[in-house]
Amino acid sequence: MMYWRELSVNWGESDPFGLVYYPRIVAWFNDTEHELFRKIGYPIDKMIRENRTTFVSWARSTSASSAPPLTAIG
């Protein structure tokens, strides 16, 4: 199964060179995982209630940037 989500990087989530801070990427993966399970009818609260876990094994996870960061110079 493949699922994707488009995100915008907010001010403060990257350094002056436009590189996103690694902890933010991990948080986005986590949020997207929760959204995926909610959309297929198995939200995280149900997972906890029925299985007492939220563990999901990531066989492979990737991220890609579709555009370079925009920087205002002035």
C-alpha atoms as a PDB file:
ATOM      1  CA  MET A   1       0.000   0.000   0.000  1.00  0.00           C
ATOM      2  CA  MET A   2       1.250   3.448  -0.814  1.00  0.00           C
ATOM      3  CA  TYR A   3      -0.019   6.653   0.778  1.00  0.00           C
ATOM      4  CA  TRP A   4       1.251  10.183   0.387  1.00  0.00           C
ATOM      5  CA  ARG A   5       0.525  13.546   1.919  1.00  0.00           C
ATOM      6  CA  GLU A   6       1.635  16.979   0.774  1.00  0.00           C
ATOM      7  CA  LEU A   7       3.017  19.280   3.458  1.00  0.00           C
ATOM      8  CA  SER A   8       4.224  22.844   3.621  1.00  0.00           C
ATOM      9  CA  VAL A   9       7.325  23.601   5.635  1.00  0.00           C
ATOM     10  CA  ASN A  10       6.631  26.385   8.105  1.00  0.00           C
ATOM     11  CA  TRP A  11       9.054  29.053   9.231  1.00  0.00           C
ATOM     12  CA  GLY A  12      11.290  27.651  11.941  1.00  0.00           C
ATOM     13  CA  GLU A  13      11.159  24.043  10.698  1.00  0.00           C
ATOM     14  CA  SER A  14      14.285  24.476   8.602  1.00  0.00           C
ATOM     15  CA  ASP A  15      17.667  26.091   8.854  1.00  0.00           C
ATOM     16  CA  PRO A  16      18.802  29.178   6.872  1.00  0.00           C
ATOM     17  CA  PHE A  17      19.846  26.894   3.982  1.00  0.00           C
ATOM     18  CA  GLY A  18      16.346  25.413   3.680  1.00  0.00           C
ATOM     19  CA  LEU A  19      17.203  22.018   5.175  1.00  0.00           C
ATOM     20  CA  VAL A  20      14.362  20.690   7.313  1.00  0.00           C
ATOM     21  CA  TYR A  21      15.248  19.680  10.851  1.00  0.00           C
ATOM     22  CA  TYR A  22      15.236  15.876  11.080  1.00  0.00           C
ATOM     23  CA  PRO A  23      12.869  15.665  14.106  1.00  0.00           C
ATOM     24  CA  ARG A  24      10.210  17.479  12.062  1.00  0.00           C
ATOM     25  CA  ILE A  25      10.415  14.847   9.311  1.00  0.00           C
ATOM     26  CA  VAL A  26       9.901  12.068  11.861  1.00  0.00           C
ATOM     27  CA  ALA A  27       6.909  13.935  13.339  1.00  0.00           C
ATOM     28  CA  TRP A  28       5.401  14.335   9.845  1.00  0.00           C
ATOM     29  CA  PHE A  29       5.784  10.603   9.214  1.00  0.00           C
ATOM     30  CA  ASN A  30       4.041   9.904  12.519  1.00  0.00           C
ATOM     31  CA  ASP A  31       1.178  12.319  11.774  1.00  0.00           C
ATOM     32  CA  THR A  32       0.775  10.881   8.273  1.00  0.00           C
ATOM     33  CA  GLU A  33       0.736   7.337   9.636  1.00  0.00           C
ATOM     34  CA  HIS A  34      -2.075   8.284  12.040  1.00  0.00           C
ATOM     35  CA  GLU A  35      -3.980   9.920   9.177  1.00  0.00           C
ATOM     36  CA  LEU A  36      -3.566   6.807   6.993  1.00  0.00           C
ATOM     37  CA  PHE A  37      -4.917   4.459   9.655  1.00  0.00           C
ATOM     38  CA  ARG A  38      -7.806   6.828  10.392  1.00  0.00           C
ATOM     39  CA  LYS A  39      -8.728   6.884   6.666  1.00  0.00           C
ATOM     40  CA  ILE A  40      -8.738   3.081   6.366  1.00  0.00           C
ATOM     41  CA  GLY A  41     -10.989   2.797   9.431  1.00  0.00           C
ATOM     42  CA  TYR A  42      -8.442   1.792  12.049  1.00  0.00           C
ATOM     43  CA  PRO A  43      -7.583   4.942  14.026  1.00  0.00           C
ATOM     44  CA  ILE A  44      -4.834   4.901  16.627  1.00  0.00           C
ATOM     45  CA  ASP A  45      -7.252   5.058  19.593  1.00  0.00           C
ATOM     46  CA  LYS A  46      -8.965   1.889  18.279  1.00  0.00           C
ATOM     47  CA  MET A  47      -5.560   0.236  17.876  1.00  0.00           C
ATOM     48  CA  ILE A  48      -4.730   1.012  21.506  1.00  0.00           C
ATOM     49  CA  ARG A  49      -8.153  -0.119  22.767  1.00  0.00           C
ATOM     50  CA  GLU A  50      -8.244  -3.423  20.849  1.00  0.00           C
ATOM     51  CA  ASN A  51      -4.570  -4.414  20.617  1.00  0.00           C
ATOM     52  CA  ARG A  52      -2.982  -2.339  23.382  1.00  0.00           C
ATOM     53  CA  THR A  53      -0.381  -1.107  20.936  1.00  0.00           C
ATOM     54  CA  THR A  54       0.287   1.470  18.269  1.00  0.00           C
ATOM     55  CA  PHE A  55       3.345  -0.289  16.917  1.00  0.00           C
ATOM     56  CA  VAL A  56       3.513  -0.293  13.134  1.00  0.00           C
ATOM     57  CA  SER A  57       6.614  -1.582  11.421  1.00  0.00           C
ATOM     58  CA  TRP A  58       7.892   0.634   8.642  1.00  0.00           C
ATOM     59  CA  ALA A  59       9.411  -1.656   6.040  1.00  0.00           C
ATOM     60  CA  ARG A  60      10.475   1.367   4.038  1.00  0.00           C
ATOM     61  CA  SER A  61       9.855   5.052   4.399  1.00  0.00           C
ATOM     62  CA  THR A  62      10.998   7.784   2.057  1.00  0.00           C
ATOM     63  CA  SER A  63      10.561  11.491   1.635  1.00  0.00           C
ATOM     64  CA  ALA A  64      11.117  13.782  -1.302  1.00  0.00           C
ATOM     65  CA  SER A  65      11.039  17.469  -1.967  1.00  0.00           C
ATOM     66  CA  SER A  66       9.137  18.655  -4.986  1.00  0.00           C
ATOM     67  CA  ALA A  67      10.628  22.138  -4.992  1.00  0.00           C
ATOM     68  CA  PRO A  68      13.606  23.958  -3.538  1.00  0.00           C
ATOM     69  CA  PRO A  69      12.930  26.161  -0.531  1.00  0.00           C
ATOM     70  CA  LEU A  70      11.963  29.736  -1.271  1.00  0.00           C
ATOM     71  CA  THR A  71      14.216  32.303   0.337  1.00  0.00           C
ATOM     72  CA  ALA A  72      13.558  36.023   0.500  1.00  0.00           C
ATOM     73  CA  ILE A  73      16.740  38.047   0.170  1.00  0.00           C
ATOM     74  CA  GLY A  74      16.445  41.700   0.712  1.00  0.00           C
END
